């Protein structure tokens, strides 16, 4: 196993910056999830920010393992493609399901005489 001291400074700086940036972006997305009021506002924080934060962390991992193993490591590209393809689609489907649920509940309010 390679120690952290073996990582050259020219690789350690971008890895550290990408990790800090990815962590901050993920933290901002999680804070948005906790602080925003409605469901529709809350879904945007994790859907957008966490995807970008995960991308920064995966790029940092790719740079670190490429430098320490002295060969191109691109396994993280597969993870990135999977996250970038699935996260927005899942967020859209969750929002669409909530919208349809809200529409159905508004049609079935008490005092409404229409039968769907």
PDB file of N, CA and C in Angstrom:
ATOM      1  N   UNK A   1       0.846  -1.182   0.000  1.00  0.00           N
ATOM      2  CA  UNK A   1       0.000   0.000   0.000  1.00  0.00           C
ATOM      3  C   UNK A   1       0.888   1.239   0.000  1.00  0.00           C
ATOM      4  N   UNK A   2       0.534   2.210  -0.810  1.00  0.00           N
ATOM      5  CA  UNK A   2       1.321   3.433  -0.950  1.00  0.00           C
ATOM      6  C   UNK A   2       0.871   4.430   0.099  1.00  0.00           C
ATOM      7  N   UNK A   3       1.823   5.065   0.754  1.00  0.00           N
ATOM      8  CA  UNK A   3       1.483   6.044   1.779  1.00  0.00           C
ATOM      9  C   UNK A   3       1.140   7.387   1.135  1.00  0.00           C
ATOM     10  N   UNK A   4       0.526   8.246   1.924  1.00  0.00           N
ATOM     11  CA  UNK A   4       0.131   9.564   1.436  1.00  0.00           C
ATOM     12  C   UNK A   4       1.354  10.407   1.112  1.00  0.00           C
ATOM     13  N   UNK A   5       2.448  10.183   1.807  1.00  0.00           N
ATOM     14  CA  UNK A   5       3.660  10.953   1.560  1.00  0.00           C
ATOM     15  C   UNK A   5       4.234  10.696   0.165  1.00  0.00           C
ATOM     16  N   UNK A   6       3.891   9.574  -0.454  1.00  0.00           N
ATOM     17  CA  UNK A   6       4.421   9.243  -1.772  1.00  0.00           C
ATOM     18  C   UNK A   6       3.739  10.026  -2.887  1.00  0.00           C
ATOM     19  N   UNK A   7       2.658  10.706  -2.593  1.00  0.00           N
ATOM     20  CA  UNK A   7       1.943  11.473  -3.607  1.00  0.00           C
ATOM     21  C   UNK A   7       2.687  12.778  -3.861  1.00  0.00           C
ATOM     22  N   UNK A   8       3.091  13.048  -5.099  1.00  0.00           N
ATOM     23  CA  UNK A   8       3.807  14.291  -5.394  1.00  0.00           C
ATOM     24  C   UNK A   8       2.928  15.517  -5.157  1.00  0.00           C
ATOM     25  N   UNK A   9       3.569  16.641  -4.901  1.00  0.00           N
ATOM     26  CA  UNK A   9       2.831  17.870  -4.578  1.00  0.00           C
ATOM     27  C   UNK A   9       1.956  18.330  -5.735  1.00  0.00           C
ATOM     28  N   UNK A  10       2.410  18.124  -6.986  1.00  0.00           N
ATOM     29  CA  UNK A  10       1.648  18.573  -8.144  1.00  0.00           C
ATOM     30  C   UNK A  10       0.358  17.767  -8.309  1.00  0.00           C
ATOM     31  N   UNK A  11       0.290  16.592  -7.717  1.00  0.00           N
ATOM     32  CA  UNK A  11      -0.941  15.806  -7.742  1.00  0.00           C
ATOM     33  C   UNK A  11      -1.739  15.988  -6.453  1.00  0.00           C
ATOM     34  N   UNK A  12      -1.047  16.229  -5.347  1.00  0.00           N
ATOM     35  CA  UNK A  12      -1.727  16.370  -4.061  1.00  0.00           C
ATOM     36  C   UNK A  12      -2.589  17.631  -4.014  1.00  0.00           C
ATOM     37  N   UNK A  13      -2.128  18.713  -4.641  1.00  0.00           N
ATOM     38  CA  UNK A  13      -2.881  19.970  -4.597  1.00  0.00           C
ATOM     39  C   UNK A  13      -4.218  19.849  -5.335  1.00  0.00           C
ATOM     40  N   UNK A  14      -4.251  19.361  -6.592  1.00  0.00           N
ATOM     41  CA  UNK A  14      -5.567  19.223  -7.236  1.00  0.00           C
ATOM     42  C   UNK A  14      -6.475  18.206  -6.544  1.00  0.00           C
ATOM     43  N   UNK A  15      -5.887  17.117  -6.031  1.00  0.00           N
ATOM     44  CA  UNK A  15      -6.701  16.126  -5.329  1.00  0.00           C
ATOM     45  C   UNK A  15      -7.332  16.746  -4.089  1.00  0.00           C
ATOM     46  N   UNK A  16      -6.528  17.478  -3.317  1.00  0.00           N
ATOM     47  CA  UNK A  16      -7.054  18.118  -2.109  1.00  0.00           C
ATOM     48  C   UNK A  16      -8.114  19.159  -2.449  1.00  0.00           C
ATOM     49  N   UNK A  17      -7.862  19.967  -3.470  1.00  0.00           N
ATOM     50  CA  UNK A  17      -8.837  20.991  -3.857  1.00  0.00           C
ATOM     51  C   UNK A  17     -10.146  20.369  -4.350  1.00  0.00           C
ATOM     52  N   UNK A  18     -10.041  19.320  -5.146  1.00  0.00           N
ATOM     53  CA  UNK A  18     -11.251  18.657  -5.639  1.00  0.00           C
ATOM     54  C   UNK A  18     -12.038  17.994  -4.510  1.00  0.00           C
ATOM     55  N   UNK A  19     -11.324  17.398  -3.542  1.00  0.00           N
ATOM     56  CA  UNK A  19     -12.009  16.789  -2.410  1.00  0.00           C
ATOM     57  C   UNK A  19     -12.716  17.828  -1.552  1.00  0.00           C
ATOM     58  N   UNK A  20     -12.047  18.936  -1.284  1.00  0.00           N
ATOM     59  CA  UNK A  20     -12.670  19.997  -0.489  1.00  0.00           C
ATOM     60  C   UNK A  20     -13.857  20.600  -1.245  1.00  0.00           C
ATOM     61  N   UNK A  21     -13.687  20.874  -2.532  1.00  0.00           N
ATOM     62  CA  UNK A  21     -14.770  21.435  -3.340  1.00  0.00           C
ATOM     63  C   UNK A  21     -15.954  20.468  -3.406  1.00  0.00           C
ATOM     64  N   UNK A  22     -15.676  19.200  -3.635  1.00  0.00           N
ATOM     65  CA  UNK A  22     -16.748  18.206  -3.682  1.00  0.00           C
ATOM     66  C   UNK A  22     -17.469  18.078  -2.355  1.00  0.00           C
ATOM     67  N   UNK A  23     -16.721  18.115  -1.260  1.00  0.00           N
ATOM     68  CA  UNK A  23     -17.345  18.059   0.060  1.00  0.00           C
ATOM     69  C   UNK A  23     -18.194  19.278   0.347  1.00  0.00           C
ATOM     70  N   UNK A  24     -17.710  20.462  -0.029  1.00  0.00           N
ATOM     71  CA  UNK A  24     -18.486  21.692   0.194  1.00  0.00           C
ATOM     72  C   UNK A  24     -19.771  21.707  -0.638  1.00  0.00           C
ATOM     73  N   UNK A  25     -19.673  21.289  -1.889  1.00  0.00           N
ATOM     74  CA  UNK A  25     -20.857  21.262  -2.750  1.00  0.00           C
ATOM     75  C   UNK A  25     -21.876  20.264  -2.213  1.00  0.00           C
ATOM     76  N   UNK A  26     -21.413  19.107  -1.770  1.00  0.00           N
ATOM     77  CA  UNK A  26     -22.311  18.114  -1.191  1.00  0.00           C
ATOM     78  C   UNK A  26     -22.940  18.627   0.092  1.00  0.00           C
ATOM     79  N   UNK A  27     -22.170  19.325   0.904  1.00  0.00           N
ATOM     80  CA  UNK A  27     -22.696  19.906   2.140  1.00  0.00           C
ATOM     81  C   UNK A  27     -23.759  20.970   1.841  1.00  0.00           C
ATOM     82  N   UNK A  28     -23.533  21.780   0.825  1.00  0.00           N
ATOM     83  CA  UNK A  28     -24.525  22.785   0.432  1.00  0.00           C
ATOM     84  C   UNK A  28     -25.826  22.107  -0.022  1.00  0.00           C
ATOM     85  N   UNK A  29     -25.705  21.032  -0.792  1.00  0.00           N
ATOM     86  CA  UNK A  29     -26.893  20.293  -1.219  1.00  0.00           C
ATOM     87  C   UNK A  29     -27.646  19.680  -0.043  1.00  0.00           C
ATOM     88  N   UNK A  30     -26.913  19.129   0.922  1.00  0.00           N
ATOM     89  CA  UNK A  30     -27.553  18.550   2.103  1.00  0.00           C
ATOM     90  C   UNK A  30     -28.196  19.627   2.966  1.00  0.00           C
ATOM     91  N   UNK A  31     -27.563  20.792   3.052  1.00  0.00           N
ATOM     92  CA  UNK A  31     -28.143  21.899   3.807  1.00  0.00           C
ATOM     93  C   UNK A  31     -29.432  22.373   3.149  1.00  0.00           C
ATOM     94  N   UNK A  32     -29.443  22.435   1.831  1.00  0.00           N
ATOM     95  CA  UNK A  32     -30.660  22.795   1.111  1.00  0.00           C
ATOM     96  C   UNK A  32     -31.778  21.802   1.371  1.00  0.00           C
ATOM     97  N   UNK A  33     -31.440  20.541   1.472  1.00  0.00           N
ATOM     98  CA  UNK A  33     -32.432  19.510   1.764  1.00  0.00           C
ATOM     99  C   UNK A  33     -33.033  19.730   3.146  1.00  0.00           C
ATOM    100  N   UNK A  34     -32.217  20.141   4.092  1.00  0.00           N
ATOM    101  CA  UNK A  34     -32.690  20.313   5.465  1.00  0.00           C
ATOM    102  C   UNK A  34     -33.421  21.639   5.680  1.00  0.00           C
ATOM    103  N   UNK A  35     -33.062  22.692   4.975  1.00  0.00           N
ATOM    104  CA  UNK A  35     -33.570  24.020   5.293  1.00  0.00           C
ATOM    105  C   UNK A  35     -34.745  24.498   4.450  1.00  0.00           C
ATOM    106  N   UNK A  36     -34.876  24.016   3.242  1.00  0.00           N
ATOM    107  CA  UNK A  36     -35.958  24.517   2.396  1.00  0.00           C
ATOM    108  C   UNK A  36     -37.309  23.959   2.848  1.00  0.00           C
ATOM    109  N   UNK A  37     -38.396  24.703   2.549  1.00  0.00           N
ATOM    110  CA  UNK A  37     -39.687  24.389   3.138  1.00  0.00           C
ATOM    111  C   UNK A  37     -40.462  23.300   2.395  1.00  0.00           C
ATOM    112  N   UNK A  38     -40.712  23.482   1.127  1.00  0.00           N
ATOM    113  CA  UNK A  38     -41.591  22.552   0.416  1.00  0.00           C
ATOM    114  C   UNK A  38     -40.785  21.426  -0.243  1.00  0.00           C
ATOM    115  N   UNK A  39     -41.507  20.381  -0.575  1.00  0.00           N
ATOM    116  CA  UNK A  39     -40.868  19.240  -1.230  1.00  0.00           C
ATOM    117  C   UNK A  39     -40.229  19.642  -2.549  1.00  0.00           C
ATOM    118  N   UNK A  40     -40.914  20.473  -3.311  1.00  0.00           N
ATOM    119  CA  UNK A  40     -40.424  20.857  -4.635  1.00  0.00           C
ATOM    120  C   UNK A  40     -39.161  21.700  -4.539  1.00  0.00           C
ATOM    121  N   UNK A  41     -39.019  22.480  -3.486  1.00  0.00           N
ATOM    122  CA  UNK A  41     -37.782  23.231  -3.276  1.00  0.00           C
ATOM    123  C   UNK A  41     -36.675  22.306  -2.782  1.00  0.00           C
ATOM    124  N   UNK A  42     -37.011  21.379  -1.891  1.00  0.00           N
ATOM    125  CA  UNK A  42     -36.018  20.485  -1.300  1.00  0.00           C
ATOM    126  C   UNK A  42     -35.382  19.530  -2.303  1.00  0.00           C
ATOM    127  N   UNK A  43     -36.080  19.153  -3.331  1.00  0.00           N
ATOM    128  CA  UNK A  43     -35.559  18.143  -4.260  1.00  0.00           C
ATOM    129  C   UNK A  43     -34.410  18.694  -5.108  1.00  0.00           C
ATOM    130  N   UNK A  44     -34.349  20.009  -5.309  1.00  0.00           N
ATOM    131  CA  UNK A  44     -33.324  20.579  -6.177  1.00  0.00           C
ATOM    132  C   UNK A  44     -31.934  20.557  -5.565  1.00  0.00           C
ATOM    133  N   UNK A  45     -31.825  20.743  -4.253  1.00  0.00           N
ATOM    134  CA  UNK A  45     -30.510  20.744  -3.609  1.00  0.00           C
ATOM    135  C   UNK A  45     -29.743  19.457  -3.833  1.00  0.00           C
ATOM    136  N   UNK A  46     -30.296  18.329  -3.434  1.00  0.00           N
ATOM    137  CA  UNK A  46     -29.581  17.071  -3.658  1.00  0.00           C
ATOM    138  C   UNK A  46     -29.468  16.687  -5.129  1.00  0.00           C
ATOM    139  N   UNK A  47     -30.477  16.973  -5.911  1.00  0.00           N
ATOM    140  CA  UNK A  47     -30.460  16.531  -7.310  1.00  0.00           C
ATOM    141  C   UNK A  47     -29.350  17.207  -8.104  1.00  0.00           C
ATOM    142  N   UNK A  48     -29.116  18.470  -7.853  1.00  0.00           N
ATOM    143  CA  UNK A  48     -28.136  19.202  -8.646  1.00  0.00           C
ATOM    144  C   UNK A  48     -26.770  19.249  -7.958  1.00  0.00           C
ATOM    145  N   UNK A  49     -26.758  19.696  -6.715  1.00  0.00           N
ATOM    146  CA  UNK A  49     -25.485  19.932  -6.031  1.00  0.00           C
ATOM    147  C   UNK A  49     -24.747  18.647  -5.694  1.00  0.00           C
ATOM    148  N   UNK A  50     -25.461  17.635  -5.262  1.00  0.00           N
ATOM    149  CA  UNK A  50     -24.792  16.403  -4.879  1.00  0.00           C
ATOM    150  C   UNK A  50     -24.185  15.708  -6.094  1.00  0.00           C
ATOM    151  N   UNK A  51     -24.828  15.827  -7.241  1.00  0.00           N
ATOM    152  CA  UNK A  51     -24.266  15.245  -8.462  1.00  0.00           C
ATOM    153  C   UNK A  51     -22.935  15.910  -8.809  1.00  0.00           C
ATOM    154  N   UNK A  52     -22.873  17.226  -8.705  1.00  0.00           N
ATOM    155  CA  UNK A  52     -21.628  17.942  -8.974  1.00  0.00           C
ATOM    156  C   UNK A  52     -20.572  17.621  -7.917  1.00  0.00           C
ATOM    157  N   UNK A  53     -20.978  17.532  -6.657  1.00  0.00           N
ATOM    158  CA  UNK A  53     -20.041  17.181  -5.588  1.00  0.00           C
ATOM    159  C   UNK A  53     -19.465  15.785  -5.765  1.00  0.00           C
ATOM    160  N   UNK A  54     -20.306  14.844  -6.134  1.00  0.00           N
ATOM    161  CA  UNK A  54     -19.832  13.483  -6.383  1.00  0.00           C
ATOM    162  C   UNK A  54     -18.874  13.450  -7.574  1.00  0.00           C
ATOM    163  N   UNK A  55     -19.139  14.272  -8.586  1.00  0.00           N
ATOM    164  CA  UNK A  55     -18.230  14.349  -9.739  1.00  0.00           C
ATOM    165  C   UNK A  55     -16.853  14.837  -9.341  1.00  0.00           C
ATOM    166  N   UNK A  56     -16.789  15.856  -8.485  1.00  0.00           N
ATOM    167  CA  UNK A  56     -15.486  16.371  -8.023  1.00  0.00           C
ATOM    168  C   UNK A  56     -14.737  15.310  -7.229  1.00  0.00           C
ATOM    169  N   UNK A  57     -15.442  14.597  -6.370  1.00  0.00           N
ATOM    170  CA  UNK A  57     -14.801  13.554  -5.561  1.00  0.00           C
ATOM    171  C   UNK A  57     -14.312  12.413  -6.452  1.00  0.00           C
ATOM    172  N   UNK A  58     -15.081  12.040  -7.456  1.00  0.00           N
ATOM    173  CA  UNK A  58     -14.661  10.967  -8.360  1.00  0.00           C
ATOM    174  C   UNK A  58     -13.461  11.382  -9.208  1.00  0.00           C
ATOM    175  N   UNK A  59     -13.404  12.632  -9.635  1.00  0.00           N
ATOM    176  CA  UNK A  59     -12.235  13.104 -10.392  1.00  0.00           C
ATOM    177  C   UNK A  59     -10.996  13.101  -9.501  1.00  0.00           C
ATOM    178  N   UNK A  60     -11.151  13.513  -8.239  1.00  0.00           N
ATOM    179  CA  UNK A  60     -10.023  13.477  -7.296  1.00  0.00           C
ATOM    180  C   UNK A  60      -9.537  12.049  -7.104  1.00  0.00           C
ATOM    181  N   UNK A  61     -10.458  11.114  -7.001  1.00  0.00           N
ATOM    182  CA  UNK A  61     -10.082   9.705  -6.862  1.00  0.00           C
ATOM    183  C   UNK A  61      -9.351   9.205  -8.101  1.00  0.00           C
ATOM    184  N   UNK A  62      -9.827   9.609  -9.269  1.00  0.00           N
ATOM    185  CA  UNK A  62      -9.188   9.188 -10.511  1.00  0.00           C
ATOM    186  C   UNK A  62      -7.756   9.722 -10.607  1.00  0.00           C
ATOM    187  N   UNK A  63      -7.548  10.988 -10.247  1.00  0.00           N
ATOM    188  CA  UNK A  63      -6.201  11.573 -10.288  1.00  0.00           C
ATOM    189  C   UNK A  63      -5.292  10.886  -9.271  1.00  0.00           C
ATOM    190  N   UNK A  64      -5.800  10.667  -8.060  1.00  0.00           N
ATOM    191  CA  UNK A  64      -4.985  10.046  -7.011  1.00  0.00           C
ATOM    192  C   UNK A  64      -4.513   8.657  -7.419  1.00  0.00           C
ATOM    193  N   UNK A  65      -5.441   7.813  -7.858  1.00  0.00           N
ATOM    194  CA  UNK A  65      -5.056   6.439  -8.193  1.00  0.00           C
ATOM    195  C   UNK A  65      -4.263   6.354  -9.491  1.00  0.00           C
ATOM    196  N   UNK A  66      -4.461   7.273 -10.415  1.00  0.00           N
ATOM    197  CA  UNK A  66      -3.641   7.296 -11.626  1.00  0.00           C
ATOM    198  C   UNK A  66      -2.195   7.622 -11.276  1.00  0.00           C
ATOM    199  N   UNK A  67      -1.984   8.578 -10.378  1.00  0.00           N
ATOM    200  CA  UNK A  67      -0.617   8.965  -9.993  1.00  0.00           C
ATOM    201  C   UNK A  67       0.044   7.886  -9.146  1.00  0.00           C
ATOM    202  N   UNK A  68      -0.675   7.337  -8.168  1.00  0.00           N
ATOM    203  CA  UNK A  68      -0.052   6.365  -7.264  1.00  0.00           C
ATOM    204  C   UNK A  68       0.195   5.019  -7.924  1.00  0.00           C
ATOM    205  N   UNK A  69      -0.599   4.639  -8.900  1.00  0.00           N
ATOM    206  CA  UNK A  69      -0.412   3.347  -9.556  1.00  0.00           C
ATOM    207  C   UNK A  69       0.364   3.450 -10.864  1.00  0.00           C
ATOM    208  N   UNK A  70       0.732   4.658 -11.264  1.00  0.00           N
ATOM    209  CA  UNK A  70       1.522   4.904 -12.486  1.00  0.00           C
ATOM    210  C   UNK A  70       0.883   4.323 -13.739  1.00  0.00           C
ATOM    211  N   UNK A  71      -0.426   4.333 -13.776  1.00  0.00           N
ATOM    212  CA  UNK A  71      -1.178   3.917 -14.959  1.00  0.00           C
ATOM    213  C   UNK A  71      -2.510   4.623 -14.936  1.00  0.00           C
ATOM    214  N   UNK A  72      -3.146   4.706 -16.073  1.00  0.00           N
ATOM    215  CA  UNK A  72      -4.427   5.395 -16.181  1.00  0.00           C
ATOM    216  C   UNK A  72      -5.518   4.568 -15.515  1.00  0.00           C
ATOM    217  N   UNK A  73      -6.190   5.155 -14.525  1.00  0.00           N
ATOM    218  CA  UNK A  73      -7.286   4.496 -13.819  1.00  0.00           C
ATOM    219  C   UNK A  73      -8.566   5.241 -14.172  1.00  0.00           C
ATOM    220  N   UNK A  74      -9.462   4.553 -14.852  1.00  0.00           N
ATOM    221  CA  UNK A  74     -10.684   5.220 -15.319  1.00  0.00           C
ATOM    222  C   UNK A  74     -11.956   4.534 -14.827  1.00  0.00           C
ATOM    223  N   UNK A  75     -11.860   3.715 -13.784  1.00  0.00           N
ATOM    224  CA  UNK A  75     -13.054   3.064 -13.257  1.00  0.00           C
ATOM    225  C   UNK A  75     -14.086   4.093 -12.788  1.00  0.00           C
ATOM    226  N   UNK A  76     -13.587   5.216 -12.293  1.00  0.00           N
ATOM    227  CA  UNK A  76     -14.474   6.253 -11.794  1.00  0.00           C
ATOM    228  C   UNK A  76     -15.311   6.887 -12.903  1.00  0.00           C
ATOM    229  N   UNK A  77     -14.851   6.795 -14.138  1.00  0.00           N
ATOM    230  CA  UNK A  77     -15.642   7.321 -15.252  1.00  0.00           C
ATOM    231  C   UNK A  77     -16.960   6.567 -15.393  1.00  0.00           C
ATOM    232  N   UNK A  78     -16.916   5.264 -15.178  1.00  0.00           N
ATOM    233  CA  UNK A  78     -18.148   4.478 -15.231  1.00  0.00           C
ATOM    234  C   UNK A  78     -19.111   4.896 -14.129  1.00  0.00           C
ATOM    235  N   UNK A  79     -18.584   5.129 -12.938  1.00  0.00           N
ATOM    236  CA  UNK A  79     -19.420   5.577 -11.829  1.00  0.00           C
ATOM    237  C   UNK A  79     -19.998   6.950 -12.146  1.00  0.00           C
ATOM    238  N   UNK A  80     -19.170   7.843 -12.689  1.00  0.00           N
ATOM    239  CA  UNK A  80     -19.627   9.195 -13.025  1.00  0.00           C
ATOM    240  C   UNK A  80     -20.741   9.156 -14.066  1.00  0.00           C
ATOM    241  N   UNK A  81     -20.576   8.354 -15.095  1.00  0.00           N
ATOM    242  CA  UNK A  81     -21.600   8.245 -16.132  1.00  0.00           C
ATOM    243  C   UNK A  81     -22.905   7.724 -15.531  1.00  0.00           C
ATOM    244  N   UNK A  82     -22.795   6.721 -14.673  1.00  0.00           N
ATOM    245  CA  UNK A  82     -23.991   6.163 -14.043  1.00  0.00           C
ATOM    246  C   UNK A  82     -24.690   7.204 -13.177  1.00  0.00           C
ATOM    247  N   UNK A  83     -23.925   7.947 -12.359  1.00  0.00           N
ATOM    248  CA  UNK A  83     -24.517   8.969 -11.486  1.00  0.00           C
ATOM    249  C   UNK A  83     -25.126  10.090 -12.314  1.00  0.00           C
ATOM    250  N   UNK A  84     -24.412  10.555 -13.334  1.00  0.00           N
ATOM    251  CA  UNK A  84     -24.910  11.662 -14.145  1.00  0.00           C
ATOM    252  C   UNK A  84     -26.137  11.279 -14.976  1.00  0.00           C
ATOM    253  N   UNK A  85     -26.265  10.000 -15.302  1.00  0.00           N
ATOM    254  CA  UNK A  85     -27.421   9.569 -16.082  1.00  0.00           C
ATOM    255  C   UNK A  85     -28.626   9.270 -15.199  1.00  0.00           C
ATOM    256  N   UNK A  86     -28.409   8.758 -14.004  1.00  0.00           N
ATOM    257  CA  UNK A  86     -29.541   8.315 -13.192  1.00  0.00           C
ATOM    258  C   UNK A  86     -30.065   9.374 -12.232  1.00  0.00           C
ATOM    259  N   UNK A  87     -29.216  10.198 -11.660  1.00  0.00           N
ATOM    260  CA  UNK A  87     -29.667  11.158 -10.638  1.00  0.00           C
ATOM    261  C   UNK A  87     -30.704  12.148 -11.172  1.00  0.00           C
ATOM    262  N   UNK A  88     -30.496  12.790 -12.317  1.00  0.00           N
ATOM    263  CA  UNK A  88     -31.536  13.710 -12.803  1.00  0.00           C
ATOM    264  C   UNK A  88     -32.837  13.000 -13.181  1.00  0.00           C
ATOM    265  N   UNK A  89     -32.725  11.809 -13.715  1.00  0.00           N
ATOM    266  CA  UNK A  89     -33.931  11.071 -14.112  1.00  0.00           C
ATOM    267  C   UNK A  89     -34.739  10.670 -12.880  1.00  0.00           C
ATOM    268  N   UNK A  90     -34.047  10.197 -11.856  1.00  0.00           N
ATOM    269  CA  UNK A  90     -34.735   9.818 -10.626  1.00  0.00           C
ATOM    270  C   UNK A  90     -35.385  11.041  -9.982  1.00  0.00           C
ATOM    271  N   UNK A  91     -34.679  12.169  -9.937  1.00  0.00           N
ATOM    272  CA  UNK A  91     -35.254  13.388  -9.358  1.00  0.00           C
ATOM    273  C   UNK A  91     -36.487  13.822 -10.136  1.00  0.00           C
ATOM    274  N   UNK A  92     -36.435  13.754 -11.461  1.00  0.00           N
ATOM    275  CA  UNK A  92     -37.578  14.136 -12.275  1.00  0.00           C
ATOM    276  C   UNK A  92     -38.766  13.210 -12.017  1.00  0.00           C
ATOM    277  N   UNK A  93     -38.525  11.915 -11.916  1.00  0.00           N
ATOM    278  CA  UNK A  93     -39.619  10.978 -11.666  1.00  0.00           C
ATOM    279  C   UNK A  93     -40.233  11.176 -10.287  1.00  0.00           C
ATOM    280  N   UNK A  94     -39.410  11.466  -9.295  1.00  0.00           N
ATOM    281  CA  UNK A  94     -39.926  11.728  -7.951  1.00  0.00           C
ATOM    282  C   UNK A  94     -40.769  12.996  -7.950  1.00  0.00           C
ATOM    283  N   UNK A  95     -40.283  14.053  -8.628  1.00  0.00           N
ATOM    284  CA  UNK A  95     -41.064  15.291  -8.694  1.00  0.00           C
ATOM    285  C   UNK A  95     -42.375  15.091  -9.446  1.00  0.00           C
ATOM    286  N   UNK A  96     -42.341  14.341 -10.512  1.00  0.00           N
ATOM    287  CA  UNK A  96     -43.560  14.085 -11.291  1.00  0.00           C
ATOM    288  C   UNK A  96     -44.572  13.284 -10.467  1.00  0.00           C
ATOM    289  N   UNK A  97     -44.106  12.300  -9.717  1.00  0.00           N
ATOM    290  CA  UNK A  97     -45.013  11.524  -8.870  1.00  0.00           C
ATOM    291  C   UNK A  97     -45.630  12.398  -7.787  1.00  0.00           C
ATOM    292  N   UNK A  98     -44.846  13.296  -7.194  1.00  0.00           N
ATOM    293  CA  UNK A  98     -45.386  14.203  -6.179  1.00  0.00           C
ATOM    294  C   UNK A  98     -46.397  15.166  -6.793  1.00  0.00           C
ATOM    295  N   UNK A  99     -46.128  15.647  -7.984  1.00  0.00           N
ATOM    296  CA  UNK A  99     -47.058  16.558  -8.655  1.00  0.00           C
ATOM    297  C   UNK A  99     -48.393  15.868  -8.935  1.00  0.00           C
ATOM    298  N   UNK A 100     -48.355  14.635  -9.442  1.00  0.00           N
ATOM    299  CA  UNK A 100     -49.589  13.908  -9.714  1.00  0.00           C
ATOM    300  C   UNK A 100     -50.345  13.601  -8.418  1.00  0.00           C
ATOM    301  N   UNK A 101     -49.615  13.281  -7.342  1.00  0.00           N
ATOM    302  CA  UNK A 101     -50.249  13.042  -6.048  1.00  0.00           C
ATOM    303  C   UNK A 101     -50.955  14.305  -5.561  1.00  0.00           C
ATOM    304  N   UNK A 102     -50.284  15.453  -5.680  1.00  0.00           N
ATOM    305  CA  UNK A 102     -50.891  16.715  -5.257  1.00  0.00           C
ATOM    306  C   UNK A 102     -52.114  17.053  -6.098  1.00  0.00           C
ATOM    307  N   UNK A 103     -52.068  16.787  -7.390  1.00  0.00           N
ATOM    308  CA  UNK A 103     -53.209  17.061  -8.258  1.00  0.00           C
ATOM    309  C   UNK A 103     -54.395  16.174  -7.895  1.00  0.00           C
ATOM    310  N   UNK A 104     -54.151  14.925  -7.587  1.00  0.00           N
ATOM    311  CA  UNK A 104     -55.224  14.010  -7.217  1.00  0.00           C
ATOM    312  C   UNK A 104     -55.837  14.404  -5.878  1.00  0.00           C
ATOM    313  N   UNK A 105     -54.993  14.819  -4.922  1.00  0.00           N
ATOM    314  CA  UNK A 105     -55.516  15.251  -3.624  1.00  0.00           C
ATOM    315  C   UNK A 105     -56.340  16.524  -3.753  1.00  0.00           C
ATOM    316  N   UNK A 106     -55.944  17.439  -4.627  1.00  0.00           N
ATOM    317  CA  UNK A 106     -56.698  18.684  -4.779  1.00  0.00           C
ATOM    318  C   UNK A 106     -58.051  18.429  -5.444  1.00  0.00           C
ATOM    319  N   UNK A 107     -58.168  17.400  -6.250  1.00  0.00           N
ATOM    320  CA  UNK A 107     -59.456  17.062  -6.867  1.00  0.00           C
ATOM    321  C   UNK A 107     -60.390  16.391  -5.880  1.00  0.00           C
ATOM    322  N   UNK A 108     -59.854  15.737  -4.869  1.00  0.00           N
ATOM    323  CA  UNK A 108     -60.673  14.995  -3.913  1.00  0.00           C
ATOM    324  C   UNK A 108     -60.806  15.721  -2.582  1.00  0.00           C
ATOM    325  N   UNK A 109     -60.813  17.053  -2.584  1.00  0.00           N
ATOM    326  CA  UNK A 109     -60.965  17.819  -1.354  1.00  0.00           C
ATOM    327  C   UNK A 109     -62.377  17.656  -0.808  1.00  0.00           C
ATOM    328  N   UNK A 110     -62.533  17.756   0.523  1.00  0.00           N
ATOM    329  CA  UNK A 110     -63.887  17.671   1.100  1.00  0.00           C
ATOM    330  C   UNK A 110     -64.758  18.818   0.576  1.00  0.00           C
ATOM    331  N   UNK A 111     -66.014  18.535   0.318  1.00  0.00           N
ATOM    332  CA  UNK A 111     -66.936  19.518  -0.213  1.00  0.00           C
ATOM    333  C   UNK A 111     -66.990  19.501  -1.713  1.00  0.00           C
ATOM    334  N   UNK A 112     -66.109  18.759  -2.355  1.00  0.00           N
ATOM    335  CA  UNK A 112     -66.109  18.639  -3.808  1.00  0.00           C
ATOM    336  C   UNK A 112     -67.113  17.559  -4.191  1.00  0.00           C
ATOM    337  N   UNK A 113     -68.089  17.895  -4.993  1.00  0.00           N
ATOM    338  CA  UNK A 113     -69.158  16.980  -5.354  1.00  0.00           C
ATOM    339  C   UNK A 113     -68.873  16.183  -6.618  1.00  0.00           C
ATOM    340  N   UNK A 114     -67.749  16.450  -7.278  1.00  0.00           N
ATOM    341  CA  UNK A 114     -67.458  15.722  -8.508  1.00  0.00           C
ATOM    342  C   UNK A 114     -66.882  14.367  -8.178  1.00  0.00           C
ATOM    343  N   UNK A 115     -67.242  13.397  -8.962  1.00  0.00           N
ATOM    344  CA  UNK A 115     -66.717  12.050  -8.794  1.00  0.00           C
ATOM    345  C   UNK A 115     -65.750  11.793  -9.932  1.00  0.00           C
ATOM    346  N   UNK A 116     -64.497  11.507  -9.596  1.00  0.00           N
ATOM    347  CA  UNK A 116     -63.514  11.306 -10.676  1.00  0.00           C
ATOM    348  C   UNK A 116     -63.699  10.010 -11.417  1.00  0.00           C
TER     349      UNK A 116
END
